[in-house]
C-alpha atoms as a PDB file:
ATOM      1  CA  MET A   1    -205.980 -14.184  53.646  1.00  0.00           C
ATOM      2  CA  THR A   2    -208.346 -16.823  52.468  1.00  0.00           C
ATOM      3  CA  THR A   3    -210.141 -19.198  55.150  1.00  0.00           C
ATOM      4  CA  ALA A   4    -208.841 -23.308  55.389  1.00  0.00           C
ATOM      5  CA  VAL A   5    -210.985 -25.606  53.173  1.00  0.00           C
ATOM      6  CA  PRO A   6    -210.947 -29.017  53.446  1.00  0.00           C
ATOM      7  CA  GLN A   7    -209.827 -30.614  50.007  1.00  0.00           C
ATOM      8  CA  PRO A   8    -210.656 -33.917  49.120  1.00  0.00           C
ATOM      9  CA  PRO A   9    -207.639 -36.478  47.579  1.00  0.00           C
ATOM     10  CA  VAL A  10    -206.935 -36.063  44.062  1.00  0.00           C
ATOM     11  CA  ASP A  11    -209.058 -38.502  42.062  1.00  0.00           C
ATOM     12  CA  ARG A  12    -207.720 -38.558  38.529  1.00  0.00           C
ATOM     13  CA  PRO A  13    -205.213 -40.940  36.959  1.00  0.00           C
ATOM     14  CA  GLN A  14    -202.619 -38.027  37.056  1.00  0.00           C
ATOM     15  CA  ALA A  15    -201.999 -34.782  38.592  1.00  0.00           C
ATOM     16  CA  PRO A  16    -202.709 -31.317  36.378  1.00  0.00           C
ATOM     17  CA  ILE A  17    -199.726 -29.173  35.369  1.00  0.00           C
ATOM     18  CA  LEU A  18    -199.564 -25.983  36.252  1.00  0.00           C
ATOM     19  CA  TYR A  19    -197.980 -21.998  35.187  1.00  0.00           C
ATOM     20  CA  PHE A  20    -199.021 -18.968  36.970  1.00  0.00           C
ATOM     21  CA  GLY A  21    -198.664 -15.611  37.571  1.00  0.00           C
ATOM     22  CA  HIS A  22    -197.813 -15.251  40.990  1.00  0.00           C
ATOM     23  CA  GLY A  23    -197.708 -11.475  42.265  1.00  0.00           C
ATOM     24  CA  ALA A  24    -195.664 -10.042  44.503  1.00  0.00           C
ATOM     25  CA  PRO A  25    -196.508 -10.543  48.665  1.00  0.00           C
ATOM     26  CA  PRO A  26    -199.365  -7.612  48.013  1.00  0.00           C
ATOM     27  CA  LEU A  27    -201.137 -10.595  46.316  1.00  0.00           C
ATOM     28  CA  ALA A  28    -202.886 -11.620  50.131  1.00  0.00           C
ATOM     29  CA  ASP A  29    -204.377  -8.047  49.878  1.00  0.00           C
ATOM     30  CA  ASP A  30    -205.959  -8.691  46.333  1.00  0.00           C
ATOM     31  CA  ARG A  31    -210.021 -10.431  47.073  1.00  0.00           C
ATOM     32  CA  THR A  32    -210.285 -10.952  43.622  1.00  0.00           C
ATOM     33  CA  TRP A  33    -207.301 -12.516  42.962  1.00  0.00           C
ATOM     34  CA  THR A  34    -206.692 -14.191  45.986  1.00  0.00           C
ATOM     35  CA  GLY A  35    -210.310 -15.902  45.633  1.00  0.00           C
ATOM     36  CA  GLN A  36    -209.315 -17.028  42.202  1.00  0.00           C
ATOM     37  CA  PHE A  37    -206.716 -18.862  43.467  1.00  0.00           C
ATOM     38  CA  ALA A  38    -208.790 -20.210  46.484  1.00  0.00           C
ATOM     39  CA  ALA A  39    -211.099 -21.633  44.133  1.00  0.00           C
ATOM     40  CA  TRP A  40    -208.606 -23.232  41.860  1.00  0.00           C
ATOM     41  CA  ALA A  41    -207.183 -25.337  44.465  1.00  0.00           C
ATOM     42  CA  ARG A  42    -210.741 -26.510  45.580  1.00  0.00           C
ATOM     43  CA  ASP A  43    -211.191 -27.751  41.874  1.00  0.00           C
ATOM     44  CA  LEU A  44    -207.973 -29.577  41.942  1.00  0.00           C
ATOM     45  CA  GLY A  45    -208.128 -31.030  45.245  1.00  0.00           C
ATOM     46  CA  ARG A  46    -205.282 -31.857  47.800  1.00  0.00           C
ATOM     47  CA  PRO A  47    -202.765 -33.134  45.724  1.00  0.00           C
ATOM     48  CA  ARG A  48    -200.064 -35.518  47.127  1.00  0.00           C
ATOM     49  CA  ALA A  49    -197.272 -33.099  47.197  1.00  0.00           C
ATOM     50  CA  VAL A  50    -196.368 -29.767  45.111  1.00  0.00           C
ATOM     51  CA  LEU A  51    -193.249 -29.369  43.173  1.00  0.00           C
ATOM     52  CA  ILE A  52    -192.705 -25.884  42.209  1.00  0.00           C
ATOM     53  CA  VAL A  53    -190.187 -24.176  39.847  1.00  0.00           C
ATOM     54  CA  SER A  54    -190.270 -20.558  41.120  1.00  0.00           C
ATOM     55  CA  ALA A  55    -189.025 -17.182  38.889  1.00  0.00           C
ATOM     56  CA  HIS A  56    -187.219 -16.539  42.049  1.00  0.00           C
ATOM     57  CA  TRP A  57    -184.079 -19.040  41.795  1.00  0.00           C
ATOM     58  CA  GLU A  58    -181.900 -19.831  39.684  1.00  0.00           C
ATOM     59  CA  ALA A  59    -179.167 -22.173  40.422  1.00  0.00           C
ATOM     60  CA  ALA A  60    -177.124 -24.480  38.353  1.00  0.00           C
ATOM     61  CA  PRO A  61    -176.976 -27.872  38.269  1.00  0.00           C
ATOM     62  CA  VAL A  62    -180.299 -28.247  39.440  1.00  0.00           C
ATOM     63  CA  THR A  63    -180.581 -27.773  43.018  1.00  0.00           C
ATOM     64  CA  ILE A  64    -183.205 -29.774  45.760  1.00  0.00           C
ATOM     65  CA  GLY A  65    -184.345 -27.318  47.747  1.00  0.00           C
ATOM     66  CA  ALA A  66    -185.007 -27.919  51.364  1.00  0.00           C
ATOM     67  CA  THR A  67    -187.009 -31.130  52.433  1.00  0.00           C
ATOM     68  CA  GLU A  68    -188.088 -29.951  55.808  1.00  0.00           C
ATOM     69  CA  THR A  69    -189.622 -27.021  57.203  1.00  0.00           C
ATOM     70  CA  VAL A  70    -187.043 -23.876  57.241  1.00  0.00           C
ATOM     71  CA  PRO A  71    -187.812 -20.476  57.306  1.00  0.00           C
ATOM     72  CA  LEU A  72    -189.152 -18.909  54.105  1.00  0.00           C
ATOM     73  CA  VAL A  73    -186.487 -16.269  52.159  1.00  0.00           C
ATOM     74  CA  TYR A  74    -188.097 -12.846  51.944  1.00  0.00           C
ATOM     75  CA  ASP A  75    -186.209 -11.495  48.798  1.00  0.00           C
ATOM     76  CA  PHE A  76    -187.714  -9.020  48.268  1.00  0.00           C
ATOM     77  CA  TRP A  77    -187.161  -5.634  49.477  1.00  0.00           C
ATOM     78  CA  GLY A  78    -188.909  -2.023  50.717  1.00  0.00           C
ATOM     79  CA  PHE A  79    -192.469  -3.335  51.499  1.00  0.00           C
ATOM     80  CA  PRO A  80    -194.254  -3.302  55.155  1.00  0.00           C
ATOM     81  CA  ASP A  81    -192.466  -4.751  57.935  1.00  0.00           C
ATOM     82  CA  ARG A  82    -195.825  -6.638  57.627  1.00  0.00           C
ATOM     83  CA  TYR A  83    -195.176  -8.381  54.994  1.00  0.00           C
ATOM     84  CA  TYR A  84    -192.195 -10.084  56.511  1.00  0.00           C
ATOM     85  CA  ASP A  85    -194.243 -11.669  59.262  1.00  0.00           C
ATOM     86  CA  VAL A  86    -195.713 -14.302  56.972  1.00  0.00           C
ATOM     87  CA  VAL A  87    -194.818 -17.841  57.360  1.00  0.00           C
ATOM     88  CA  TYR A  88    -195.972 -21.127  55.411  1.00  0.00           C
ATOM     89  CA  PRO A  89    -194.439 -24.030  57.287  1.00  0.00           C
ATOM     90  CA  ALA A  90    -195.743 -26.200  54.806  1.00  0.00           C
ATOM     91  CA  PRO A  91    -194.628 -29.998  55.586  1.00  0.00           C
ATOM     92  CA  GLY A  92    -190.890 -31.241  53.397  1.00  0.00           C
ATOM     93  CA  ALA A  93    -190.944 -33.912  50.821  1.00  0.00           C
ATOM     94  CA  PRO A  94    -187.624 -35.795  51.063  1.00  0.00           C
ATOM     95  CA  GLY A  95    -189.681 -38.375  49.640  1.00  0.00           C
ATOM     96  CA  LEU A  96    -190.567 -36.153  46.648  1.00  0.00           C
ATOM     97  CA  ALA A  97    -187.038 -35.244  46.746  1.00  0.00           C
ATOM     98  CA  ALA A  98    -185.364 -38.984  46.244  1.00  0.00           C
ATOM     99  CA  GLU A  99    -187.560 -39.342  43.404  1.00  0.00           C
ATOM    100  CA  VAL A 100    -186.146 -36.030  41.507  1.00  0.00           C
ATOM    101  CA  ARG A 101    -183.123 -37.231  42.164  1.00  0.00           C
ATOM    102  CA  ALA A 102    -183.592 -40.849  40.572  1.00  0.00           C
ATOM    103  CA  LEU A 103    -185.775 -38.993  37.418  1.00  0.00           C
ATOM    104  CA  LEU A 104    -182.668 -36.856  36.863  1.00  0.00           C
ATOM    105  CA  ALA A 105    -179.973 -39.032  37.419  1.00  0.00           C
ATOM    106  CA  GLY A 106    -178.121 -39.663  33.901  1.00  0.00           C
ATOM    107  CA  GLY A 107    -178.484 -36.112  33.081  1.00  0.00           C
ATOM    108  CA  PRO A 108    -176.321 -33.596  31.657  1.00  0.00           C
ATOM    109  CA  VAL A 109    -175.644 -32.098  35.021  1.00  0.00           C
ATOM    110  CA  PRO A 110    -175.696 -33.673  38.813  1.00  0.00           C
ATOM    111  CA  VAL A 111    -178.264 -32.933  41.005  1.00  0.00           C
ATOM    112  CA  ALA A 112    -177.501 -30.071  43.602  1.00  0.00           C
ATOM    113  CA  ASP A 113    -178.970 -29.782  47.626  1.00  0.00           C
ATOM    114  CA  ALA A 114    -179.456 -27.310  49.103  1.00  0.00           C
ATOM    115  CA  PRO A 115    -181.067 -28.411  52.221  1.00  0.00           C
ATOM    116  CA  ASP A 116    -181.598 -24.631  54.421  1.00  0.00           C
ATOM    117  CA  ARG A 117    -183.157 -22.928  51.047  1.00  0.00           C
ATOM    118  CA  GLY A 118    -186.741 -22.454  51.869  1.00  0.00           C
ATOM    119  CA  LEU A 119    -189.322 -21.430  49.864  1.00  0.00           C
ATOM    120  CA  ASP A 120    -189.546 -17.945  47.968  1.00  0.00           C
ATOM    121  CA  HIS A 121    -192.017 -15.744  47.245  1.00  0.00           C
ATOM    122  CA  GLY A 122    -192.859 -17.187  43.886  1.00  0.00           C
ATOM    123  CA  ALA A 123    -193.765 -20.130  46.041  1.00  0.00           C
ATOM    124  CA  TYR A 124    -195.592 -19.266  49.210  1.00  0.00           C
ATOM    125  CA  VAL A 125    -197.420 -16.280  48.396  1.00  0.00           C
ATOM    126  CA  PRO A 126    -199.777 -18.331  45.580  1.00  0.00           C
ATOM    127  CA  LEU A 127    -199.480 -21.498  47.882  1.00  0.00           C
ATOM    128  CA  LYS A 128    -200.387 -19.574  50.551  1.00  0.00           C
ATOM    129  CA  GLU A 129    -204.022 -18.983  49.355  1.00  0.00           C
ATOM    130  CA  MET A 130    -203.930 -22.285  47.282  1.00  0.00           C
ATOM    131  CA  TYR A 131    -203.259 -24.046  50.267  1.00  0.00           C
ATOM    132  CA  PRO A 132    -204.038 -22.170  53.318  1.00  0.00           C
ATOM    133  CA  GLY A 133    -203.812 -24.621  55.899  1.00  0.00           C
ATOM    134  CA  ALA A 134    -199.715 -24.932  54.908  1.00  0.00           C
ATOM    135  CA  ASP A 135    -200.792 -29.010  55.208  1.00  0.00           C
ATOM    136  CA  VAL A 136    -199.452 -30.347  51.677  1.00  0.00           C
ATOM    137  CA  PRO A 137    -195.840 -31.053  51.244  1.00  0.00           C
ATOM    138  CA  VAL A 138    -194.104 -28.713  49.103  1.00  0.00           C
ATOM    139  CA  LEU A 139    -190.438 -28.910  47.431  1.00  0.00           C
ATOM    140  CA  GLN A 140    -188.959 -26.408  45.385  1.00  0.00           C
ATOM    141  CA  ILE A 141    -186.544 -26.925  42.854  1.00  0.00           C
ATOM    142  CA  SER A 142    -184.088 -24.555  41.000  1.00  0.00           C
ATOM    143  CA  MET A 143    -183.945 -23.434  37.689  1.00  0.00           C
ATOM    144  CA  PRO A 144    -180.554 -23.970  35.779  1.00  0.00           C
ATOM    145  CA  THR A 145    -180.716 -21.774  33.199  1.00  0.00           C
ATOM    146  CA  LEU A 146    -183.211 -19.830  31.141  1.00  0.00           C
ATOM    147  CA  ASP A 147    -182.129 -21.491  28.143  1.00  0.00           C
ATOM    148  CA  PRO A 148    -186.251 -22.483  26.558  1.00  0.00           C
ATOM    149  CA  ARG A 149    -185.581 -26.154  25.569  1.00  0.00           C
ATOM    150  CA  ALA A 150    -183.196 -26.915  28.494  1.00  0.00           C
ATOM    151  CA  LEU A 151    -185.744 -26.053  30.898  1.00  0.00           C
ATOM    152  CA  TYR A 152    -188.788 -27.879  28.435  1.00  0.00           C
ATOM    153  CA  ASP A 153    -186.519 -31.172  28.860  1.00  0.00           C
ATOM    154  CA  LEU A 154    -186.383 -30.495  33.098  1.00  0.00           C
ATOM    155  CA  GLY A 155    -190.274 -30.861  32.818  1.00  0.00           C
ATOM    156  CA  ARG A 156    -190.277 -34.087  30.478  1.00  0.00           C
ATOM    157  CA  ARG A 157    -188.028 -35.935  33.100  1.00  0.00           C
ATOM    158  CA  LEU A 158    -190.381 -34.566  35.668  1.00  0.00           C
ATOM    159  CA  ALA A 159    -193.286 -35.898  34.231  1.00  0.00           C
ATOM    160  CA  PRO A 160    -193.979 -39.333  35.737  1.00  0.00           C
ATOM    161  CA  LEU A 161    -194.354 -37.501  39.147  1.00  0.00           C
ATOM    162  CA  ARG A 162    -197.810 -36.635  37.864  1.00  0.00           C
ATOM    163  CA  GLU A 163    -198.958 -40.169  38.237  1.00  0.00           C
ATOM    164  CA  GLN A 164    -197.970 -40.246  42.315  1.00  0.00           C
ATOM    165  CA  GLY A 165    -199.930 -36.970  42.669  1.00  0.00           C
ATOM    166  CA  VAL A 166    -197.548 -35.140  42.510  1.00  0.00           C
ATOM    167  CA  LEU A 167    -198.839 -31.684  41.378  1.00  0.00           C
ATOM    168  CA  ILE A 168    -196.066 -29.543  39.702  1.00  0.00           C
ATOM    169  CA  MET A 169    -196.645 -25.552  38.942  1.00  0.00           C
ATOM    170  CA  GLY A 170    -194.381 -23.090  37.397  1.00  0.00           C
ATOM    171  CA  SER A 171    -194.727 -19.943  38.907  1.00  0.00           C
ATOM    172  CA  GLY A 172    -193.547 -16.830  36.943  1.00  0.00           C
ATOM    173  CA  PHE A 173    -195.789 -14.260  35.684  1.00  0.00           C
ATOM    174  CA  LEU A 174    -196.913 -14.120  31.501  1.00  0.00           C
ATOM    175  CA  THR A 175    -195.689 -10.931  30.663  1.00  0.00           C
ATOM    176  CA  HIS A 176    -193.001  -8.931  32.876  1.00  0.00           C
ATOM    177  CA  ASN A 177    -191.640  -5.663  32.564  1.00  0.00           C
ATOM    178  CA  LEU A 178    -191.190  -3.240  35.765  1.00  0.00           C
ATOM    179  CA  SER A 179    -190.061  -0.499  34.198  1.00  0.00           C
ATOM    180  CA  CYS A 180    -192.974  -0.250  31.832  1.00  0.00           C
ATOM    181  CA  VAL A 181    -195.424  -0.436  34.539  1.00  0.00           C
ATOM    182  CA  ASP A 182    -197.344   2.072  36.238  1.00  0.00           C
ATOM    183  CA  PHE A 183    -197.951   1.969  39.888  1.00  0.00           C
ATOM    184  CA  SER A 184    -199.935   4.544  40.490  1.00  0.00           C
ATOM    185  CA  LEU A 185    -203.068   3.425  38.308  1.00  0.00           C
ATOM    186  CA  GLY A 186    -203.755   0.888  40.738  1.00  0.00           C
ATOM    187  CA  THR A 187    -203.856  -2.869  40.386  1.00  0.00           C
ATOM    188  CA  ASP A 188    -207.060  -2.391  37.708  1.00  0.00           C
ATOM    189  CA  ALA A 189    -205.179  -0.869  35.174  1.00  0.00           C
ATOM    190  CA  VAL A 190    -205.598  -1.024  31.778  1.00  0.00           C
ATOM    191  CA  PRO A 191    -203.023  -3.140  30.493  1.00  0.00           C
ATOM    192  CA  PRO A 192    -200.471  -1.116  27.226  1.00  0.00           C
ATOM    193  CA  ALA A 193    -200.438  -3.169  24.381  1.00  0.00           C
ATOM    194  CA  TRP A 194    -197.438  -4.902  24.530  1.00  0.00           C
ATOM    195  CA  SER A 195    -198.873  -6.601  27.730  1.00  0.00           C
ATOM    196  CA  ALA A 196    -202.321  -7.046  26.235  1.00  0.00           C
ATOM    197  CA  GLU A 197    -201.003  -8.463  22.595  1.00  0.00           C
ATOM    198  CA  PHE A 198    -198.498 -11.172  24.651  1.00  0.00           C
ATOM    199  CA  ASP A 199    -200.662 -12.128  27.025  1.00  0.00           C
ATOM    200  CA  ASP A 200    -203.214 -13.082  24.172  1.00  0.00           C
ATOM    201  CA  TRP A 201    -200.607 -14.556  21.496  1.00  0.00           C
ATOM    202  CA  ALA A 202    -199.094 -16.863  24.679  1.00  0.00           C
ATOM    203  CA  ALA A 203    -202.373 -17.935  25.592  1.00  0.00           C
ATOM    204  CA  GLY A 204    -203.344 -18.845  22.348  1.00  0.00           C
ATOM    205  CA  ALA A 205    -200.283 -20.889  21.603  1.00  0.00           C
ATOM    206  CA  ALA A 206    -200.573 -22.754  24.369  1.00  0.00           C
ATOM    207  CA  ARG A 207    -204.040 -23.521  23.735  1.00  0.00           C
ATOM    208  CA  THR A 208    -203.340 -25.133  20.323  1.00  0.00           C
ATOM    209  CA  GLY A 209    -200.204 -27.206  22.170  1.00  0.00           C
ATOM    210  CA  ASP A 210    -197.473 -24.719  19.805  1.00  0.00           C
ATOM    211  CA  VAL A 211    -195.061 -25.730  21.457  1.00  0.00           C
ATOM    212  CA  ASP A 212    -192.426 -24.772  19.288  1.00  0.00           C
ATOM    213  CA  ALA A 213    -193.225 -21.034  18.780  1.00  0.00           C
ATOM    214  CA  LEU A 214    -193.421 -20.783  22.742  1.00  0.00           C
ATOM    215  CA  LEU A 215    -190.184 -22.111  23.046  1.00  0.00           C
ATOM    216  CA  ASP A 216    -188.999 -19.679  20.195  1.00  0.00           C
ATOM    217  CA  TRP A 217    -190.689 -17.079  22.144  1.00  0.00           C
ATOM    218  CA  ARG A 218    -188.090 -14.492  21.263  1.00  0.00           C
ATOM    219  CA  THR A 219    -188.308 -14.458  17.522  1.00  0.00           C
ATOM    220  CA  LYS A 220    -192.827 -15.598  17.630  1.00  0.00           C
ATOM    221  CA  GLY A 221    -194.159 -13.364  20.149  1.00  0.00           C
ATOM    222  CA  PRO A 222    -195.893 -10.079  19.813  1.00  0.00           C
ATOM    223  CA  ALA A 223    -193.935  -7.208  21.524  1.00  0.00           C
ATOM    224  CA  ALA A 224    -191.925 -10.056  23.148  1.00  0.00           C
ATOM    225  CA  HIS A 225    -187.898  -7.972  24.032  1.00  0.00           C
ATOM    226  CA  ILE A 226    -191.144  -5.377  25.971  1.00  0.00           C
ATOM    227  CA  ALA A 227    -193.155  -7.893  27.774  1.00  0.00           C
ATOM    228  CA  HIS A 228    -189.557 -10.451  29.068  1.00  0.00           C
ATOM    229  CA  PRO A 229    -186.619  -7.785  28.517  1.00  0.00           C
ATOM    230  CA  ARG A 230    -185.181 -11.062  31.253  1.00  0.00           C
ATOM    231  CA  SER A 231    -186.881 -14.154  30.882  1.00  0.00           C
ATOM    232  CA  GLU A 232    -186.934 -15.631  34.292  1.00  0.00           C
ATOM    233  CA  HIS A 233    -191.050 -14.571  34.383  1.00  0.00           C
ATOM    234  CA  LEU A 234    -191.378 -16.710  31.388  1.00  0.00           C
ATOM    235  CA  ALA A 235    -189.054 -19.702  32.088  1.00  0.00           C
ATOM    236  CA  PRO A 236    -191.306 -21.659  34.385  1.00  0.00           C
ATOM    237  CA  LEU A 237    -193.932 -22.229  31.626  1.00  0.00           C
ATOM    238  CA  PHE A 238    -191.216 -24.168  29.648  1.00  0.00           C
ATOM    239  CA  VAL A 239    -190.987 -26.410  32.478  1.00  0.00           C
ATOM    240  CA  ALA A 240    -194.638 -26.624  32.444  1.00  0.00           C
ATOM    241  CA  LEU A 241    -194.925 -27.350  29.106  1.00  0.00           C
ATOM    242  CA  GLY A 242    -192.154 -30.374  28.926  1.00  0.00           C
ATOM    243  CA  ALA A 243    -194.239 -31.945  31.620  1.00  0.00           C
ATOM    244  CA  ALA A 244    -197.521 -31.531  30.131  1.00  0.00           C
ATOM    245  CA  HIS A 245    -196.410 -32.224  26.410  1.00  0.00           C
ATOM    246  CA  ALA A 246    -194.972 -35.735  27.197  1.00  0.00           C
ATOM    247  CA  THR A 247    -198.422 -36.613  27.003  1.00  0.00           C
ATOM    248  CA  GLY A 248    -199.292 -34.459  24.018  1.00  0.00           C
ATOM    249  CA  GLU A 249    -201.678 -32.008  26.530  1.00  0.00           C
ATOM    250  CA  THR A 250    -202.731 -28.559  25.529  1.00  0.00           C
ATOM    251  CA  ALA A 251    -203.386 -25.408  28.192  1.00  0.00           C
ATOM    252  CA  THR A 252    -207.074 -24.323  29.631  1.00  0.00           C
ATOM    253  CA  SER A 253    -206.817 -21.097  30.877  1.00  0.00           C
ATOM    254  CA  VAL A 254    -208.229 -20.778  34.538  1.00  0.00           C
ATOM    255  CA  ILE A 255    -207.448 -17.091  35.267  1.00  0.00           C
ATOM    256  CA  ASP A 256    -207.192 -14.189  33.066  1.00  0.00           C
ATOM    257  CA  GLY A 257    -207.057 -10.610  33.297  1.00  0.00           C
ATOM    258  CA  PHE A 258    -204.006  -7.975  34.439  1.00  0.00           C
ATOM    259  CA  TRP A 259    -202.412  -6.991  37.622  1.00  0.00           C
ATOM    260  CA  TYR A 260    -200.506  -3.773  37.336  1.00  0.00           C
ATOM    261  CA  GLY A 261    -201.338  -3.881  33.380  1.00  0.00           C
ATOM    262  CA  LEU A 262    -199.197  -7.294  33.895  1.00  0.00           C
ATOM    263  CA  ALA A 263    -200.863 -10.423  32.896  1.00  0.00           C
ATOM    264  CA  LYS A 264    -202.114 -13.217  35.724  1.00  0.00           C
ATOM    265  CA  ARG A 265    -203.001 -15.553  33.249  1.00  0.00           C
ATOM    266  CA  ALA A 266    -202.917 -18.808  35.171  1.00  0.00           C
ATOM    267  CA  LEU A 267    -203.034 -22.107  32.513  1.00  0.00           C
ATOM    268  CA  GLN A 268    -203.680 -25.940  33.574  1.00  0.00           C
ATOM    269  CA  PHE A 269    -202.682 -28.464  31.635  1.00  0.00           C
ATOM    270  CA  ASP A 270    -204.255 -31.767  31.693  1.00  0.00           C
END
């Protein structure tokens, strides 16, 4: 694990928006990737709070997770016991939850609450590397749908939180087809063409602000049906796009490369 490093408060007009690949519990064993997450967090500074959308929580309507510290959700199977012993007791964020409810009030569906729902591995695995002291309040909300435009609209509604120092994170994986991954080749395996091509296309579209292409990714993206046979790991990107493009921002790649052939690219909008 990375060593906790004191971080200054965010000193920018509004917090950035992030989208990244979160890996799996063994991410903690990858010194290169954990170091990249830690360095990124140092550059970002310490936010007032984190609002995170993970590929691993789909629930309609939009559901607000625990607003106090509760046990983590170990939503994975077949790993060594030590991965189930990980804790991340980040403070809850009840004030942020109230702000989310206010911003989503009057929307197409009401907001629900799941007060016992802790952070899943799409949230706590990267956060443990970025803010290892577990001293930043965290709130997770569900994805109510996988429809790109509905998620984009959700992001637009949440965008005002940035002005309050809230770091909005979308946690997924820019390519994600485990059935096509040969894990015997190791973490630094040469990526298959479908993964490399989709990664390059999506990064370019995010960099140039081609939101329409990204929202129409199944038609416009190369090898889209292979890169994402199901879109839950791409879907958090649409929330990030909505929050960022409320003010017309494009993305910068902060982390790139591949992990077992999957694109681990991380994007920052500001």
